[in-house]
Amino acid sequence: MTDSILLERDNGVARITLNRPDVGNALDIPMSRALMEAAIEVDEDDSVRCVLITGAGKLFCAGGDVAAFSGAGEKLPAFLKEITAYVHAAVTRFARMDKPVVTAVNGSVAGAGIGLAILGDIALADPRASYMLAYTAIGLSPDGGTTWMLPRLIGLRRAQELCLRNRRIGAAEAAEIGLATRMVDEGALMDEANALAAELAASATPALGVTRKLLLDSTSNSLEAQLEAESRGISGLARTPQGKEGVASFVEKRKPDFTKGH
């Protein structure tokens, strides 16, 4: 893993920082590969119970490194196949892992950065944050899972406008239409993000993982398939130490401890 991706662990929370602030945390091939490696690492680490993603400096992520695109010359198609392989593997891992993901959007975000920013189960936005797809402005089409996530979060009509017109929207509008969960107060982003990640890390991680999968699959499942998945999910969780602790603590009228010994 390179210095372009920082990975820190603290009390069950893995904090991943996009760390190329001099270029707006734009993604090149080494950074994209490192992001994929970080996603796999936190997924495989049982001590990690929540993942927090943010950016260093004034931007969250400017998307792909267009200067690197230009430098690839006639090999740009192969370059894009390689970089999307890494970015898409990271997105898939973050989306499908059992651990919840919090995103703290600390500034402007564009291109593939949008896919990362909206990936959080809870996505917080600094008042300075702004969102712009920007792909078609340079003659390219979206990647990073944006065309899959956007219609689900904000509806097809809004997604069409943002993708085709490249309209920049601010943090308040992003929260209003569903790109962000909420806009936080000025200067409060990381305090709120860290507190939220700690809260989720103290929760029943298996239950959160099953719930994440149920929600992710809900738009493609039939009602009957979703009901069966819900039945299997809740009954399976009843066998886990966290499920047993949750029921016992409710009956005993005490706060559950989902981390100790589990």
Protein backbone atom coordinates (compact mmCIF):
# COMPACT_ATOMS: atom_id res chain seq x y z
CA MET A 1 0.00 0.00 0.00
CA THR A 2 1.33 3.45 -0.93
CA ASP A 3 1.18 6.71 1.01
CA SER A 4 -1.67 7.77 -1.28
CA ILE A 5 -4.00 5.66 0.89
CA LEU A 6 -3.67 5.94 4.66
CA LEU A 7 -5.16 3.17 6.81
CA GLU A 8 -5.46 3.64 10.58
CA ARG A 9 -7.23 1.46 13.12
CA ASP A 10 -8.64 2.56 16.46
CA ASN A 11 -11.08 0.68 18.71
CA GLY A 12 -12.74 -1.27 15.94
CA VAL A 13 -12.82 1.59 13.42
CA ALA A 14 -10.68 1.53 10.28
CA ARG A 15 -10.14 5.03 8.91
CA ILE A 16 -9.16 5.20 5.24
CA THR A 17 -7.89 8.56 4.03
CA LEU A 18 -7.47 9.41 0.36
CA ASN A 19 -4.08 11.09 0.52
CA ARG A 20 -2.97 12.91 -2.63
CA PRO A 21 -4.05 16.39 -1.53
CA ASP A 22 -1.73 18.15 -3.98
CA VAL A 23 -3.89 16.80 -6.85
CA GLY A 24 -7.23 16.82 -5.05
CA ASN A 25 -6.88 13.13 -4.10
CA ALA A 26 -7.33 12.23 -7.77
CA LEU A 27 -7.08 8.51 -8.45
CA ASP A 28 -4.16 7.16 -10.48
CA ILE A 29 -3.32 3.48 -10.90
CA PRO A 30 -1.07 3.07 -7.81
CA MET A 31 -3.63 4.85 -5.60
CA SER A 32 -6.50 2.80 -7.03
CA ARG A 33 -4.61 -0.42 -6.44
CA ALA A 34 -3.86 0.69 -2.87
CA LEU A 35 -7.54 1.49 -2.31
CA MET A 36 -8.48 -2.01 -3.42
CA GLU A 37 -5.86 -3.50 -1.12
CA ALA A 38 -7.14 -1.43 1.80
CA ALA A 39 -10.70 -2.56 1.12
CA ILE A 40 -9.65 -6.21 1.14
CA GLU A 41 -7.55 -5.71 4.27
CA VAL A 42 -10.34 -4.17 6.34
CA ASP A 43 -12.83 -6.73 5.06
CA GLU A 44 -10.57 -9.57 6.21
CA ASP A 45 -9.68 -8.00 9.58
CA ASP A 46 -12.13 -9.27 12.20
CA SER A 47 -11.05 -6.53 14.61
CA VAL A 48 -12.49 -3.91 12.23
CA ARG A 49 -16.17 -3.31 12.92
CA CYS A 50 -16.73 -0.09 10.95
CA VAL A 51 -14.95 1.68 8.08
CA LEU A 52 -14.65 5.46 7.77
CA ILE A 53 -13.56 6.99 4.44
CA THR A 54 -12.49 10.62 4.04
CA GLY A 55 -10.06 12.78 2.08
CA ALA A 56 -6.93 14.73 3.01
CA GLY A 57 -6.77 18.44 2.33
CA LYS A 58 -9.50 20.61 0.82
CA LEU A 59 -11.07 18.03 -1.51
CA PHE A 60 -12.59 14.63 -0.90
CA CYS A 61 -11.68 13.25 -4.32
CA ALA A 62 -11.42 14.92 -7.73
CA GLY A 63 -12.12 11.62 -9.50
CA GLY A 64 -9.66 10.07 -11.90
CA ASP A 65 -6.29 11.72 -12.46
CA VAL A 66 -6.91 13.33 -15.85
CA ALA A 67 -3.22 14.22 -16.19
CA ALA A 68 -2.44 10.51 -15.90
CA PHE A 69 -5.14 9.83 -18.50
CA SER A 70 -3.42 12.23 -20.87
CA GLY A 71 -0.04 10.70 -20.16
CA ALA A 72 -1.30 7.27 -21.20
CA GLY A 73 -1.66 8.54 -24.78
CA GLU A 74 -2.91 5.89 -27.20
CA LYS A 75 -2.86 3.33 -24.38
CA LEU A 76 -5.62 5.19 -22.49
CA PRO A 77 -8.26 2.49 -23.14
CA ALA A 78 -6.02 -0.15 -21.53
CA PHE A 79 -5.15 2.30 -18.74
CA LEU A 80 -8.86 2.83 -18.00
CA LYS A 81 -9.54 -0.90 -17.97
CA GLU A 82 -6.80 -1.36 -15.38
CA ILE A 83 -7.74 1.56 -13.13
CA THR A 84 -11.45 0.67 -13.16
CA ALA A 85 -10.58 -2.93 -12.28
CA TYR A 86 -8.99 -1.68 -9.04
CA VAL A 87 -11.57 0.98 -8.22
CA HIS A 88 -14.50 -1.31 -8.94
CA ALA A 89 -13.01 -4.10 -6.84
CA ALA A 90 -12.72 -1.63 -3.95
CA VAL A 91 -16.29 -0.37 -4.39
CA THR A 92 -17.64 -3.92 -4.49
CA ARG A 93 -15.71 -4.91 -1.37
CA PHE A 94 -16.86 -1.86 0.59
CA ALA A 95 -20.46 -2.41 -0.52
CA ARG A 96 -20.56 -6.14 0.20
CA MET A 97 -18.53 -6.40 3.42
CA ASP A 98 -20.30 -7.08 6.72
CA LYS A 99 -18.92 -3.90 8.29
CA PRO A 100 -20.82 -0.61 7.89
CA VAL A 101 -19.20 2.23 5.97
CA VAL A 102 -19.29 5.92 6.89
CA THR A 103 -18.13 8.53 4.38
CA ALA A 104 -17.04 12.01 5.50
CA VAL A 105 -17.04 14.27 2.45
CA ASN A 106 -14.72 17.08 3.44
CA GLY A 107 -14.79 19.10 0.22
CA SER A 108 -15.45 18.95 -3.51
CA VAL A 109 -15.96 15.59 -5.12
CA ALA A 110 -16.19 14.64 -8.78
CA GLY A 111 -16.06 11.66 -11.12
CA ALA A 112 -15.20 8.36 -9.49
CA GLY A 113 -14.99 10.21 -6.18
CA ILE A 114 -18.79 10.44 -6.31
CA GLY A 115 -18.97 6.65 -6.27
CA LEU A 116 -16.90 6.59 -3.08
CA ALA A 117 -18.70 9.52 -1.45
CA ILE A 118 -22.17 8.00 -1.84
CA LEU A 119 -21.02 4.51 -0.90
CA GLY A 120 -21.39 5.13 2.82
CA ASP A 121 -24.32 3.63 4.66
CA ILE A 122 -24.24 7.03 6.31
CA ALA A 123 -22.71 9.81 4.22
CA LEU A 124 -21.85 13.07 5.98
CA ALA A 125 -21.07 16.27 4.09
CA ASP A 126 -19.13 19.32 5.19
CA PRO A 127 -20.85 22.62 4.28
CA ARG A 128 -18.01 23.21 1.80
CA ALA A 129 -18.66 19.94 -0.03
CA SER A 130 -19.87 20.02 -3.61
CA TYR A 131 -20.70 17.25 -6.05
CA MET A 132 -20.26 17.11 -9.83
CA LEU A 133 -20.15 14.04 -12.08
CA ALA A 134 -18.00 15.73 -14.79
CA TYR A 135 -17.47 12.62 -16.95
CA THR A 136 -19.26 13.75 -20.11
CA ALA A 137 -17.56 17.15 -19.83
CA ILE A 138 -14.34 15.40 -20.93
CA GLY A 139 -16.07 13.07 -23.39
CA LEU A 140 -16.19 10.00 -21.14
CA SER A 141 -18.91 8.06 -19.32
CA PRO A 142 -19.38 7.36 -15.59
CA ASP A 143 -17.71 4.57 -13.65
CA GLY A 144 -17.12 3.71 -9.99
CA GLY A 145 -20.66 2.38 -9.58
CA THR A 146 -22.21 5.83 -9.98
CA THR A 147 -24.77 4.76 -12.60
CA TRP A 148 -25.89 1.93 -10.29
CA MET A 149 -26.04 3.90 -7.05
CA LEU A 150 -27.37 7.26 -8.19
CA PRO A 151 -30.78 6.11 -9.52
CA ARG A 152 -31.30 4.11 -6.32
CA LEU A 153 -30.45 7.04 -4.06
CA ILE A 154 -31.90 10.04 -5.87
CA GLY A 155 -34.12 8.59 -8.62
CA LEU A 156 -33.54 8.19 -12.34
CA ARG A 157 -34.62 11.70 -13.34
CA ARG A 158 -32.20 13.45 -11.01
CA ALA A 159 -29.44 11.00 -11.94
CA GLN A 160 -29.98 11.74 -15.62
CA GLU A 161 -29.63 15.47 -15.10
CA LEU A 162 -26.51 15.20 -12.94
CA CYS A 163 -24.82 12.76 -15.32
CA LEU A 164 -25.71 14.52 -18.58
CA ARG A 165 -25.44 18.18 -17.55
CA ASN A 166 -22.61 17.90 -14.99
CA ARG A 167 -24.40 20.36 -12.73
CA ARG A 168 -22.49 21.10 -9.54
CA ILE A 169 -24.61 20.87 -6.39
CA GLY A 170 -23.74 21.97 -2.87
CA ALA A 171 -23.86 20.07 0.40
CA ALA A 172 -27.31 21.30 1.42
CA GLU A 173 -28.90 20.19 -1.85
CA ALA A 174 -26.97 16.92 -1.74
CA ALA A 175 -28.53 16.16 1.65
CA GLU A 176 -31.96 17.26 0.45
CA ILE A 177 -32.01 14.92 -2.57
CA GLY A 178 -30.25 11.98 -0.91
CA LEU A 179 -26.66 12.10 -2.14
CA ALA A 180 -25.67 12.73 1.47
CA THR A 181 -27.36 11.61 4.67
CA ARG A 182 -26.96 15.07 6.12
CA MET A 183 -24.83 18.20 6.07
CA VAL A 184 -23.02 18.79 9.35
CA ASP A 185 -22.18 22.10 10.97
CA GLU A 186 -19.05 23.93 9.86
CA GLY A 187 -15.95 22.47 11.50
CA ALA A 188 -17.82 19.47 12.91
CA LEU A 189 -17.35 16.91 10.13
CA MET A 190 -14.65 14.68 11.56
CA ASP A 191 -15.90 14.87 15.14
CA GLU A 192 -19.33 13.70 13.98
CA ALA A 193 -17.90 11.09 11.62
CA ASN A 194 -15.62 9.63 14.28
CA ALA A 195 -18.43 9.54 16.85
CA LEU A 196 -20.76 7.88 14.37
CA ALA A 197 -18.15 5.30 13.37
CA ALA A 198 -17.50 4.50 17.05
CA GLU A 199 -21.24 4.08 17.61
CA LEU A 200 -21.56 1.66 14.70
CA ALA A 201 -18.41 -0.21 15.76
CA ALA A 202 -20.05 -0.87 19.14
CA SER A 203 -23.16 -2.29 17.46
CA ALA A 204 -23.98 -5.89 16.53
CA THR A 205 -21.80 -6.09 13.42
CA PRO A 206 -23.35 -9.32 12.05
CA ALA A 207 -26.81 -7.74 12.22
CA LEU A 208 -25.53 -4.66 10.41
CA GLY A 209 -23.94 -6.83 7.74
CA VAL A 210 -27.14 -8.79 7.10
CA THR A 211 -29.15 -5.57 7.03
CA ARG A 212 -26.72 -4.01 4.54
CA LYS A 213 -27.12 -7.01 2.23
CA LEU A 214 -30.92 -7.00 2.53
CA LEU A 215 -31.10 -3.32 1.60
CA LEU A 216 -28.59 -3.68 -1.24
CA ASP A 217 -30.49 -6.62 -2.77
CA SER A 218 -33.98 -5.20 -2.22
CA THR A 219 -34.30 -3.45 -5.58
CA SER A 220 -33.49 -6.59 -7.56
CA ASN A 221 -35.36 -9.17 -5.45
CA SER A 222 -39.00 -10.06 -5.81
CA LEU A 223 -41.14 -9.55 -2.70
CA GLU A 224 -41.13 -13.30 -2.06
CA ALA A 225 -37.35 -13.55 -2.43
CA GLN A 226 -36.86 -10.58 -0.11
CA LEU A 227 -39.19 -12.06 2.51
CA GLU A 228 -37.29 -15.35 2.39
CA ALA A 229 -33.97 -13.50 2.72
CA GLU A 230 -35.33 -11.59 5.72
CA SER A 231 -36.51 -14.82 7.35
CA ARG A 232 -33.16 -16.50 6.85
CA GLY A 233 -31.32 -13.41 8.00
CA ILE A 234 -33.13 -12.92 11.30
CA SER A 235 -33.13 -16.64 12.16
CA GLY A 236 -29.44 -16.96 11.32
CA LEU A 237 -28.56 -13.98 13.50
CA ALA A 238 -30.42 -15.57 16.42
CA ARG A 239 -27.66 -18.21 16.46
CA THR A 240 -24.86 -15.66 16.82
CA PRO A 241 -23.36 -14.49 20.13
CA GLN A 242 -24.50 -10.95 19.29
CA GLY A 243 -28.05 -12.10 18.69
CA LYS A 244 -28.11 -14.00 21.96
CA GLU A 245 -26.59 -11.04 23.82
CA GLY A 246 -29.14 -8.66 22.34
CA VAL A 247 -32.13 -10.75 23.40
CA ALA A 248 -30.67 -11.44 26.86
CA SER A 249 -29.88 -7.78 27.52
CA PHE A 250 -33.40 -6.75 26.51
CA VAL A 251 -34.97 -9.25 28.92
CA GLU A 252 -32.52 -8.30 31.68
CA LYS A 253 -33.13 -4.58 31.07
CA ARG A 254 -29.46 -3.71 30.58
CA LYS A 255 -27.34 -2.22 27.83
CA PRO A 256 -26.02 -4.90 25.47
CA ASP A 257 -22.29 -5.43 25.00
CA PHE A 258 -21.81 -6.60 21.43
CA THR A 259 -18.00 -6.44 21.49
CA LYS A 260 -16.77 -8.16 24.64
CA GLY A 261 -16.06 -11.81 23.92
CA HIS A 262 -17.84 -11.72 20.56
